[in-house]
């Protein structure tokens, strides 16, 4: 087996760090964990990261781990610990997520308008924000308003509202005339 590489990549969110890994973390989708308790139920790797202290949230993606810090004060010390934690976990061959941690939403049915929104998010938005260590999930569409959940580096990012309004909202209004506004939840 080849050496495991874990490379730090800064994100637009100054409180989030994206760690690129030369291994598959998840086969599809993302897993966002906002507490040590939630991590204990769903991911050994995320649980180990929360145990380092100073971690606000962890998001796992296909080939990356995004870690949001409680404070930038310990950035340098935490960066080394996070990198080693990820590398050691993968080197030991331990599972990243626990069985059943990622629920498939295949039984979810959408209206025609909602399906257009979800298709747009999956095709254009989610791959783009994943490059910055984040994710955007569709929550609902009500009375012309699209509600989206920001995760990973997108959660709390100073530029995420601008991305939503100038990017996602303007494009959705063009593609789906029923959309009047996009807001984060």
C-alpha atoms as a PDB file:
ATOM      1  CA  UNK A   1       0.000   0.000   0.000  1.00  0.00           C
ATOM      2  CA  UNK A   2       1.309   3.439  -0.862  1.00  0.00           C
ATOM      3  CA  UNK A   3       2.113   6.124   1.683  1.00  0.00           C
ATOM      4  CA  UNK A   4      -0.798   8.107   3.092  1.00  0.00           C
ATOM      5  CA  UNK A   5      -0.665  11.812   2.307  1.00  0.00           C
ATOM      6  CA  UNK A   6      -2.649  14.406   4.238  1.00  0.00           C
ATOM      7  CA  UNK A   7      -2.267  17.924   2.855  1.00  0.00           C
ATOM      8  CA  UNK A   8      -3.680  21.075   4.427  1.00  0.00           C
ATOM      9  CA  UNK A   9      -5.678  23.406   2.227  1.00  0.00           C
ATOM     10  CA  UNK A  10      -7.020  26.697   3.536  1.00  0.00           C
ATOM     11  CA  UNK A  11     -10.674  27.497   2.819  1.00  0.00           C
ATOM     12  CA  UNK A  12     -12.493  30.804   2.359  1.00  0.00           C
ATOM     13  CA  UNK A  13     -13.722  30.349   5.938  1.00  0.00           C
ATOM     14  CA  UNK A  14     -10.841  31.388   8.242  1.00  0.00           C
ATOM     15  CA  UNK A  15     -12.122  29.018  10.954  1.00  0.00           C
ATOM     16  CA  UNK A  16     -12.130  25.910   8.714  1.00  0.00           C
ATOM     17  CA  UNK A  17      -9.285  23.796   7.413  1.00  0.00           C
ATOM     18  CA  UNK A  18      -9.588  21.272   4.608  1.00  0.00           C
ATOM     19  CA  UNK A  19      -7.352  18.211   4.675  1.00  0.00           C
ATOM     20  CA  UNK A  20      -6.930  16.508   1.309  1.00  0.00           C
ATOM     21  CA  UNK A  21      -6.238  12.804   1.593  1.00  0.00           C
ATOM     22  CA  UNK A  22      -4.962  10.416  -1.078  1.00  0.00           C
ATOM     23  CA  UNK A  23      -7.488   7.800   0.072  1.00  0.00           C
ATOM     24  CA  UNK A  24     -11.217   7.442  -0.330  1.00  0.00           C
ATOM     25  CA  UNK A  25     -12.926   8.746   2.797  1.00  0.00           C
ATOM     26  CA  UNK A  26     -16.551   8.369   1.635  1.00  0.00           C
ATOM     27  CA  UNK A  27     -17.746   6.726  -1.556  1.00  0.00           C
ATOM     28  CA  UNK A  28     -20.404   9.405  -2.055  1.00  0.00           C
ATOM     29  CA  UNK A  29     -21.966  12.374  -0.352  1.00  0.00           C
ATOM     30  CA  UNK A  30     -20.743  14.018   2.829  1.00  0.00           C
ATOM     31  CA  UNK A  31     -21.141  13.496   6.553  1.00  0.00           C
ATOM     32  CA  UNK A  32     -21.301  16.592   8.772  1.00  0.00           C
ATOM     33  CA  UNK A  33     -20.813  16.183  12.520  1.00  0.00           C
ATOM     34  CA  UNK A  34     -21.261  19.099  14.887  1.00  0.00           C
ATOM     35  CA  UNK A  35     -20.468  17.474  18.237  1.00  0.00           C
ATOM     36  CA  UNK A  36     -18.361  14.794  19.880  1.00  0.00           C
ATOM     37  CA  UNK A  37     -21.549  12.963  20.871  1.00  0.00           C
ATOM     38  CA  UNK A  38     -22.742  12.829  17.277  1.00  0.00           C
ATOM     39  CA  UNK A  39     -19.281  11.714  16.127  1.00  0.00           C
ATOM     40  CA  UNK A  40     -19.270   8.885  18.677  1.00  0.00           C
ATOM     41  CA  UNK A  41     -22.400   7.498  17.008  1.00  0.00           C
ATOM     42  CA  UNK A  42     -21.262   7.880  13.400  1.00  0.00           C
ATOM     43  CA  UNK A  43     -17.505   8.122  12.843  1.00  0.00           C
ATOM     44  CA  UNK A  44     -14.422   6.836  14.666  1.00  0.00           C
ATOM     45  CA  UNK A  45     -12.227   9.297  12.783  1.00  0.00           C
ATOM     46  CA  UNK A  46     -14.398  12.299  13.675  1.00  0.00           C
ATOM     47  CA  UNK A  47     -14.599  11.096  17.287  1.00  0.00           C
ATOM     48  CA  UNK A  48     -10.779  11.012  17.440  1.00  0.00           C
ATOM     49  CA  UNK A  49     -10.590  14.513  15.963  1.00  0.00           C
ATOM     50  CA  UNK A  50     -13.045  15.940  18.528  1.00  0.00           C
ATOM     51  CA  UNK A  51     -10.926  14.387  21.306  1.00  0.00           C
ATOM     52  CA  UNK A  52      -8.058  16.684  20.277  1.00  0.00           C
ATOM     53  CA  UNK A  53     -10.028  19.627  21.696  1.00  0.00           C
ATOM     54  CA  UNK A  54     -10.712  22.970  20.046  1.00  0.00           C
ATOM     55  CA  UNK A  55     -12.806  21.396  17.263  1.00  0.00           C
ATOM     56  CA  UNK A  56     -16.242  22.868  16.478  1.00  0.00           C
ATOM     57  CA  UNK A  57     -17.282  20.512  13.646  1.00  0.00           C
ATOM     58  CA  UNK A  58     -15.985  17.844  11.263  1.00  0.00           C
ATOM     59  CA  UNK A  59     -17.158  17.154   7.726  1.00  0.00           C
ATOM     60  CA  UNK A  60     -16.093  14.065   5.809  1.00  0.00           C
ATOM     61  CA  UNK A  61     -16.144  14.046   2.007  1.00  0.00           C
ATOM     62  CA  UNK A  62     -14.941  11.795  -0.805  1.00  0.00           C
ATOM     63  CA  UNK A  63     -11.235  12.594  -0.475  1.00  0.00           C
ATOM     64  CA  UNK A  64     -11.131  15.219   2.246  1.00  0.00           C
ATOM     65  CA  UNK A  65     -11.841  16.063   5.873  1.00  0.00           C
ATOM     66  CA  UNK A  66     -12.898  19.598   6.802  1.00  0.00           C
ATOM     67  CA  UNK A  67     -12.345  20.643  10.396  1.00  0.00           C
ATOM     68  CA  UNK A  68     -13.836  23.839  11.815  1.00  0.00           C
ATOM     69  CA  UNK A  69     -11.982  25.250  14.802  1.00  0.00           C
ATOM     70  CA  UNK A  70     -13.458  26.921  17.861  1.00  0.00           C
ATOM     71  CA  UNK A  71     -10.656  29.476  17.722  1.00  0.00           C
ATOM     72  CA  UNK A  72      -7.715  30.233  15.454  1.00  0.00           C
ATOM     73  CA  UNK A  73      -5.455  30.694  18.492  1.00  0.00           C
ATOM     74  CA  UNK A  74      -4.303  27.067  18.427  1.00  0.00           C
ATOM     75  CA  UNK A  75      -4.210  26.723  14.650  1.00  0.00           C
ATOM     76  CA  UNK A  76      -0.581  25.618  14.368  1.00  0.00           C
ATOM     77  CA  UNK A  77      -0.654  23.086  17.215  1.00  0.00           C
ATOM     78  CA  UNK A  78      -4.010  21.688  16.139  1.00  0.00           C
ATOM     79  CA  UNK A  79      -3.005  21.455  12.481  1.00  0.00           C
ATOM     80  CA  UNK A  80      -0.171  19.051  13.308  1.00  0.00           C
ATOM     81  CA  UNK A  81      -2.394  16.983  15.622  1.00  0.00           C
ATOM     82  CA  UNK A  82      -5.232  16.841  13.071  1.00  0.00           C
ATOM     83  CA  UNK A  83      -2.894  15.806  10.264  1.00  0.00           C
ATOM     84  CA  UNK A  84      -1.359  13.036  12.372  1.00  0.00           C
ATOM     85  CA  UNK A  85      -4.760  11.870  13.651  1.00  0.00           C
ATOM     86  CA  UNK A  86      -6.104  11.475  10.101  1.00  0.00           C
ATOM     87  CA  UNK A  87      -2.916   9.792   8.859  1.00  0.00           C
ATOM     88  CA  UNK A  88      -2.747   7.351  11.804  1.00  0.00           C
ATOM     89  CA  UNK A  89      -6.429   6.426  11.516  1.00  0.00           C
ATOM     90  CA  UNK A  90      -6.134   5.651   7.803  1.00  0.00           C
ATOM     91  CA  UNK A  91      -2.785   3.876   8.201  1.00  0.00           C
ATOM     92  CA  UNK A  92      -4.320   1.539  10.769  1.00  0.00           C
ATOM     93  CA  UNK A  93      -7.069   0.736   8.269  1.00  0.00           C
ATOM     94  CA  UNK A  94      -9.845   1.510  10.719  1.00  0.00           C
ATOM     95  CA  UNK A  95     -13.275   2.375   9.308  1.00  0.00           C
ATOM     96  CA  UNK A  96     -13.937   6.083   8.843  1.00  0.00           C
ATOM     97  CA  UNK A  97     -17.706   5.861   9.341  1.00  0.00           C
ATOM     98  CA  UNK A  98     -19.750   3.394  11.325  1.00  0.00           C
ATOM     99  CA  UNK A  99     -22.298   1.143   9.589  1.00  0.00           C
ATOM    100  CA  UNK A 100     -25.566   2.985   8.984  1.00  0.00           C
ATOM    101  CA  UNK A 101     -24.028   6.407   9.685  1.00  0.00           C
ATOM    102  CA  UNK A 102     -24.897   7.716   6.244  1.00  0.00           C
ATOM    103  CA  UNK A 103     -28.554   7.424   5.426  1.00  0.00           C
ATOM    104  CA  UNK A 104     -29.555   7.253   1.801  1.00  0.00           C
ATOM    105  CA  UNK A 105     -32.505   9.516   1.041  1.00  0.00           C
ATOM    106  CA  UNK A 106     -33.838   7.375  -1.784  1.00  0.00           C
ATOM    107  CA  UNK A 107     -37.353   7.334  -0.337  1.00  0.00           C
ATOM    108  CA  UNK A 108     -37.604  11.123  -0.366  1.00  0.00           C
ATOM    109  CA  UNK A 109     -39.964  12.422  -3.013  1.00  0.00           C
ATOM    110  CA  UNK A 110     -39.830  15.926  -4.383  1.00  0.00           C
ATOM    111  CA  UNK A 111     -42.260  18.065  -6.314  1.00  0.00           C
ATOM    112  CA  UNK A 112     -41.230  18.955  -9.859  1.00  0.00           C
ATOM    113  CA  UNK A 113     -39.877  22.340  -8.705  1.00  0.00           C
ATOM    114  CA  UNK A 114     -38.004  20.805  -5.754  1.00  0.00           C
ATOM    115  CA  UNK A 115     -36.458  18.190  -8.041  1.00  0.00           C
ATOM    116  CA  UNK A 116     -35.164  20.940 -10.371  1.00  0.00           C
ATOM    117  CA  UNK A 117     -33.620  22.700  -7.362  1.00  0.00           C
ATOM    118  CA  UNK A 118     -32.018  19.495  -6.037  1.00  0.00           C
ATOM    119  CA  UNK A 119     -30.701  18.569  -9.496  1.00  0.00           C
ATOM    120  CA  UNK A 120     -29.130  22.026  -9.875  1.00  0.00           C
ATOM    121  CA  UNK A 121     -27.540  21.825  -6.405  1.00  0.00           C
ATOM    122  CA  UNK A 122     -26.152  18.338  -7.052  1.00  0.00           C
ATOM    123  CA  UNK A 123     -24.830  19.145 -10.525  1.00  0.00           C
ATOM    124  CA  UNK A 124     -23.436  22.660 -10.075  1.00  0.00           C
ATOM    125  CA  UNK A 125     -23.318  23.902  -6.488  1.00  0.00           C
ATOM    126  CA  UNK A 126     -22.268  20.969  -4.312  1.00  0.00           C
ATOM    127  CA  UNK A 127     -19.212  20.015  -6.412  1.00  0.00           C
ATOM    128  CA  UNK A 128     -18.055  23.642  -6.403  1.00  0.00           C
ATOM    129  CA  UNK A 129     -18.394  24.161  -2.648  1.00  0.00           C
ATOM    130  CA  UNK A 130     -16.827  20.742  -1.967  1.00  0.00           C
ATOM    131  CA  UNK A 131     -13.652  22.118  -3.552  1.00  0.00           C
ATOM    132  CA  UNK A 132     -13.580  24.585  -0.637  1.00  0.00           C
ATOM    133  CA  UNK A 133     -14.338  21.896   1.959  1.00  0.00           C
ATOM    134  CA  UNK A 134     -18.041  22.587   2.312  1.00  0.00           C
ATOM    135  CA  UNK A 135     -21.454  21.308   1.354  1.00  0.00           C
ATOM    136  CA  UNK A 136     -24.913  22.727   0.794  1.00  0.00           C
ATOM    137  CA  UNK A 137     -27.935  20.522   1.450  1.00  0.00           C
ATOM    138  CA  UNK A 138     -31.500  21.148   0.276  1.00  0.00           C
ATOM    139  CA  UNK A 139     -33.856  21.453   3.250  1.00  0.00           C
ATOM    140  CA  UNK A 140     -37.147  22.654   1.761  1.00  0.00           C
ATOM    141  CA  UNK A 141     -38.980  24.905  -0.692  1.00  0.00           C
ATOM    142  CA  UNK A 142     -41.910  26.920   0.642  1.00  0.00           C
ATOM    143  CA  UNK A 143     -43.801  29.798  -0.946  1.00  0.00           C
ATOM    144  CA  UNK A 144     -40.982  30.680  -3.325  1.00  0.00           C
ATOM    145  CA  UNK A 145     -38.225  30.407  -0.713  1.00  0.00           C
ATOM    146  CA  UNK A 146     -35.477  27.758  -0.949  1.00  0.00           C
ATOM    147  CA  UNK A 147     -34.035  26.777   2.425  1.00  0.00           C
ATOM    148  CA  UNK A 148     -30.485  25.401   2.323  1.00  0.00           C
ATOM    149  CA  UNK A 149     -28.290  23.948   5.055  1.00  0.00           C
ATOM    150  CA  UNK A 150     -24.659  25.079   4.989  1.00  0.00           C
ATOM    151  CA  UNK A 151     -22.087  22.536   6.185  1.00  0.00           C
ATOM    152  CA  UNK A 152     -18.336  22.197   6.590  1.00  0.00           C
ATOM    153  CA  UNK A 153     -16.393  25.302   5.664  1.00  0.00           C
ATOM    154  CA  UNK A 154     -19.626  26.889   4.332  1.00  0.00           C
ATOM    155  CA  UNK A 155     -21.122  26.940   7.827  1.00  0.00           C
ATOM    156  CA  UNK A 156     -20.275  30.296   9.359  1.00  0.00           C
ATOM    157  CA  UNK A 157     -18.160  31.389   6.401  1.00  0.00           C
ATOM    158  CA  UNK A 158     -18.177  35.172   5.912  1.00  0.00           C
ATOM    159  CA  UNK A 159     -18.527  34.788   2.138  1.00  0.00           C
ATOM    160  CA  UNK A 160     -21.245  32.090   2.202  1.00  0.00           C
ATOM    161  CA  UNK A 161     -24.131  34.567   2.239  1.00  0.00           C
ATOM    162  CA  UNK A 162     -22.690  36.319  -0.810  1.00  0.00           C
ATOM    163  CA  UNK A 163     -22.288  32.935  -2.536  1.00  0.00           C
ATOM    164  CA  UNK A 164     -25.904  32.100  -1.744  1.00  0.00           C
ATOM    165  CA  UNK A 165     -27.333  35.416  -2.891  1.00  0.00           C
ATOM    166  CA  UNK A 166     -25.138  36.293  -5.873  1.00  0.00           C
ATOM    167  CA  UNK A 167     -24.420  32.777  -7.072  1.00  0.00           C
ATOM    168  CA  UNK A 168     -27.012  30.202  -6.074  1.00  0.00           C
ATOM    169  CA  UNK A 169     -30.056  32.483  -5.800  1.00  0.00           C
ATOM    170  CA  UNK A 170     -29.492  34.358  -9.063  1.00  0.00           C
ATOM    171  CA  UNK A 171     -28.857  31.116 -10.993  1.00  0.00           C
ATOM    172  CA  UNK A 172     -31.865  29.353  -9.430  1.00  0.00           C
ATOM    173  CA  UNK A 173     -34.173  32.276 -10.254  1.00  0.00           C
ATOM    174  CA  UNK A 174     -33.115  31.903 -13.892  1.00  0.00           C
ATOM    175  CA  UNK A 175     -33.543  28.116 -13.978  1.00  0.00           C
ATOM    176  CA  UNK A 176     -36.639  27.862 -11.791  1.00  0.00           C
ATOM    177  CA  UNK A 177     -38.954  30.902 -12.092  1.00  0.00           C
ATOM    178  CA  UNK A 178     -40.899  29.828  -8.979  1.00  0.00           C
ATOM    179  CA  UNK A 179     -37.838  30.629  -6.818  1.00  0.00           C
ATOM    180  CA  UNK A 180     -38.015  34.095  -5.259  1.00  0.00           C
ATOM    181  CA  UNK A 181     -35.321  33.808  -2.591  1.00  0.00           C
ATOM    182  CA  UNK A 182     -32.656  31.463  -1.158  1.00  0.00           C
ATOM    183  CA  UNK A 183     -31.919  31.494   2.579  1.00  0.00           C
ATOM    184  CA  UNK A 184     -29.671  29.449   4.876  1.00  0.00           C
ATOM    185  CA  UNK A 185     -31.121  27.470   7.780  1.00  0.00           C
END
